[in-house]
Amino acid sequence: MKHTAIAVCAVLAFAAAAHASSPTLPPRKPGLWQIDYSAGGAGVPSLAGKIASLPPERRARAEAVMKAQGMGIASNLMTLRFCLTPEEAADASGERLVSRLRKGEPQSRCEREIVERTATSLRFHSVCHAPDGGVSEQAGHIYDVTPDAFAAELDIKLSEGRNMHLTERGRWVASDCGAVN
């Protein structure tokens, strides 16, 4: 789950950073957002399967933590809900949002490059170095970008020799975030 959350943050950061370097890519709307994503690949276990195999008490704790963070898992699909504040939407670098979403996680040092950009899409490549010495390489494509939606494909190579493919669909849900942070 840690690598998947990092990948979601990477896509969000690139979507925001692309706005900073290109006025033609639309900025995100503030409010409640939902990202539905699925991850797969060689050596990547199913998160739903891992949670289902936990002892009942640990499973209940894991599900409670995910629910409190606006996350849910159904079959092969994971959902993340978060509130994009007006300040985060206005921050073209995307750093405010990524910093908040990664609060409490060890910070990786990433080198990023935008490979190709159009008015509604972005291709990027990044290499991230984790504090524990792990290295991951990501190649991604964010497309169908509008103020209230985006889609993304991300291929990740992890230092343990595993590969992951992530597919995302993000959409703006409402201007009021309710209880979701």
Protein backbone atom coordinates (compact mmCIF):
# COMPACT_ATOMS: atom_id res chain seq x y z
CA MET A 1 0.00 0.00 0.00
CA LYS A 2 2.93 2.37 0.70
CA HIS A 3 4.12 2.22 -2.92
CA THR A 4 0.56 2.70 -4.21
CA ALA A 5 0.04 5.78 -2.01
CA ILE A 6 3.35 7.17 -3.24
CA ALA A 7 2.23 6.60 -6.81
CA VAL A 8 -1.04 8.43 -6.20
CA CYS A 9 0.91 11.33 -4.69
CA ALA A 10 3.26 11.31 -7.68
CA VAL A 11 0.38 11.59 -10.15
CA LEU A 12 -1.26 14.38 -8.12
CA ALA A 13 2.03 16.26 -7.87
CA PHE A 14 2.67 15.98 -11.58
CA ALA A 15 -0.86 17.11 -12.38
CA ALA A 16 -0.29 20.19 -10.23
CA ALA A 17 3.27 20.79 -11.41
CA ALA A 18 2.18 20.57 -15.02
CA HIS A 19 -0.15 23.46 -14.33
CA ALA A 20 2.79 25.45 -12.97
CA SER A 21 4.86 25.05 -16.09
CA SER A 22 2.06 25.24 -18.66
CA PRO A 23 -0.84 27.66 -18.39
CA THR A 24 -2.80 25.55 -20.89
CA LEU A 25 -3.25 22.57 -18.55
CA PRO A 26 -6.34 23.33 -16.43
CA PRO A 27 -5.95 23.80 -12.64
CA ARG A 28 -7.90 21.51 -10.29
CA LYS A 29 -11.13 22.64 -8.63
CA PRO A 30 -11.01 22.85 -4.83
CA GLY A 31 -13.30 20.52 -2.90
CA LEU A 32 -13.85 16.79 -2.43
CA TRP A 33 -11.97 14.58 -4.91
CA GLN A 34 -12.14 10.83 -5.40
CA ILE A 35 -9.46 8.72 -7.05
CA ASP A 36 -10.29 5.15 -8.07
CA TYR A 37 -7.22 3.11 -8.87
CA SER A 38 -6.10 -0.42 -9.42
CA ALA A 39 -2.60 -1.80 -9.13
CA GLY A 40 -1.14 -4.96 -10.50
CA GLY A 41 2.08 -6.46 -11.71
CA ALA A 42 4.57 -9.23 -11.20
CA GLY A 43 5.17 -9.88 -7.52
CA VAL A 44 2.61 -7.29 -6.37
CA PRO A 45 0.11 -8.94 -4.03
CA SER A 46 -3.56 -7.94 -4.07
CA LEU A 47 -4.18 -5.44 -1.28
CA ALA A 48 -7.75 -6.68 -0.86
CA GLY A 49 -6.39 -10.24 -0.51
CA LYS A 50 -3.79 -9.17 2.05
CA ILE A 51 -6.39 -7.39 4.16
CA ALA A 52 -8.85 -10.30 3.90
CA SER A 53 -6.17 -12.69 5.18
CA LEU A 54 -5.50 -10.66 8.35
CA PRO A 55 -6.80 -11.92 11.70
CA PRO A 56 -10.23 -10.36 12.42
CA GLU A 57 -8.95 -7.80 14.96
CA ARG A 58 -6.10 -6.57 12.74
CA ARG A 59 -8.41 -6.52 9.72
CA ALA A 60 -10.94 -4.36 11.61
CA ARG A 61 -8.14 -1.94 12.63
CA ALA A 62 -6.80 -1.74 9.05
CA GLU A 63 -10.28 -1.12 7.65
CA ALA A 64 -10.94 1.57 10.28
CA VAL A 65 -7.68 3.36 9.45
CA MET A 66 -8.45 3.24 5.73
CA LYS A 67 -11.99 4.51 6.28
CA ALA A 68 -10.70 7.39 8.45
CA GLN A 69 -8.33 8.33 5.61
CA GLY A 70 -11.12 8.26 3.02
CA MET A 71 -9.93 4.97 1.51
CA GLY A 72 -11.85 1.87 0.53
CA ILE A 73 -11.13 -1.41 -1.26
CA ALA A 74 -13.54 -3.39 -3.42
CA SER A 75 -12.18 -6.37 -5.34
CA ASN A 76 -9.30 -5.05 -7.47
CA LEU A 77 -10.24 -1.37 -7.10
CA MET A 78 -9.07 0.99 -4.36
CA THR A 79 -10.67 4.37 -3.67
CA LEU A 80 -9.10 7.40 -2.05
CA ARG A 81 -11.11 10.49 -1.14
CA PHE A 82 -9.43 13.70 -0.08
CA CYS A 83 -10.21 17.38 0.27
CA LEU A 84 -8.33 19.74 -2.04
CA THR A 85 -8.32 23.09 -0.24
CA PRO A 86 -8.49 26.38 -2.18
CA GLU A 87 -4.88 27.03 -1.12
CA GLU A 88 -3.76 23.63 -2.45
CA ALA A 89 -5.67 24.16 -5.70
CA ALA A 90 -3.98 27.57 -6.10
CA ASP A 91 -0.52 26.10 -5.33
CA ALA A 92 0.64 25.35 -8.85
CA SER A 93 3.66 23.38 -7.57
CA GLY A 94 1.42 20.80 -5.87
CA GLU A 95 3.78 20.67 -2.88
CA ARG A 96 1.14 21.65 -0.28
CA LEU A 97 -1.17 18.80 -1.25
CA VAL A 98 1.58 16.19 -1.53
CA SER A 99 3.07 17.27 1.79
CA ARG A 100 -0.30 16.89 3.53
CA LEU A 101 -1.09 13.52 1.92
CA ARG A 102 2.34 12.15 2.84
CA LYS A 103 2.36 13.49 6.40
CA GLY A 104 4.01 10.95 8.69
CA GLU A 105 5.60 8.99 5.82
CA PRO A 106 9.35 8.97 5.26
CA GLN A 107 10.16 11.51 2.57
CA SER A 108 11.74 10.31 -0.66
CA ARG A 109 14.02 12.44 -2.80
CA CYS A 110 12.70 12.43 -6.37
CA GLU A 111 14.15 13.64 -9.64
CA ARG A 112 11.33 14.43 -12.08
CA GLU A 113 11.22 15.17 -15.77
CA ILE A 114 8.27 16.13 -17.94
CA VAL A 115 8.78 14.23 -21.19
CA GLU A 116 5.81 15.53 -23.19
CA ARG A 117 2.99 17.97 -22.53
CA THR A 118 -0.19 18.97 -24.36
CA ALA A 119 -3.21 21.03 -23.30
CA THR A 120 -4.87 17.98 -21.68
CA SER A 121 -2.11 15.46 -21.03
CA LEU A 122 1.34 14.99 -19.60
CA ARG A 123 3.99 12.26 -19.83
CA PHE A 124 6.65 12.12 -17.14
CA HIS A 125 9.54 10.10 -15.78
CA SER A 126 10.88 10.14 -12.23
CA VAL A 127 13.39 8.34 -10.05
CA CYS A 128 12.84 8.40 -6.28
CA HIS A 129 15.34 7.53 -3.57
CA ALA A 130 13.77 6.48 -0.25
CA PRO A 131 15.47 7.10 3.11
CA ASP A 132 15.91 3.31 3.53
CA GLY A 133 18.00 3.17 0.33
CA GLY A 134 15.21 1.86 -1.89
CA VAL A 135 14.93 3.28 -5.38
CA SER A 136 11.84 3.39 -7.56
CA GLU A 137 11.49 4.50 -11.16
CA GLN A 138 8.17 5.74 -12.53
CA ALA A 139 6.98 6.42 -16.05
CA GLY A 140 3.53 7.92 -16.26
CA HIS A 141 0.90 9.42 -18.50
CA ILE A 142 -1.77 11.78 -17.12
CA TYR A 143 -4.49 12.45 -19.67
CA ASP A 144 -8.05 13.71 -20.16
CA VAL A 145 -7.18 16.50 -17.71
CA THR A 146 -9.98 18.97 -16.96
CA PRO A 147 -10.62 21.12 -13.86
CA ASP A 148 -12.78 18.33 -12.42
CA ALA A 149 -11.30 15.06 -13.73
CA PHE A 150 -8.20 13.23 -14.93
CA ALA A 151 -7.03 9.76 -15.86
CA ALA A 152 -3.55 8.30 -15.43
CA GLU A 153 -1.41 5.25 -16.14
CA LEU A 154 1.77 4.71 -14.16
CA ASP A 155 4.44 2.01 -14.47
CA ILE A 156 6.69 1.64 -11.43
CA LYS A 157 9.90 -0.36 -11.10
CA LEU A 158 10.78 -1.03 -7.47
CA SER A 159 14.27 -1.73 -6.18
CA GLU A 160 13.18 -5.16 -4.90
CA GLY A 161 12.78 -6.23 -8.53
CA ARG A 162 9.01 -5.88 -8.57
CA ASN A 163 7.08 -4.01 -11.23
CA MET A 164 3.72 -2.35 -10.68
CA HIS A 165 1.19 -0.91 -13.12
CA LEU A 166 -1.26 1.63 -11.71
CA THR A 167 -4.41 2.87 -13.45
CA GLU A 168 -6.23 5.88 -11.99
CA ARG A 169 -9.37 7.90 -12.58
CA GLY A 170 -9.75 11.04 -10.52
CA ARG A 171 -12.87 13.16 -10.31
CA TRP A 172 -14.14 16.15 -8.41
CA VAL A 173 -17.13 15.15 -6.29
CA ALA A 174 -18.36 18.28 -4.49
CA SER A 175 -17.28 21.70 -3.28
CA ASP A 176 -18.05 20.69 0.33
CA CYS A 177 -15.62 18.11 1.72
CA GLY A 178 -17.75 17.19 4.72
CA ALA A 179 -15.69 15.20 7.23
CA VAL A 180 -13.04 14.13 4.69
CA ASN A 181 -9.60 15.68 5.14
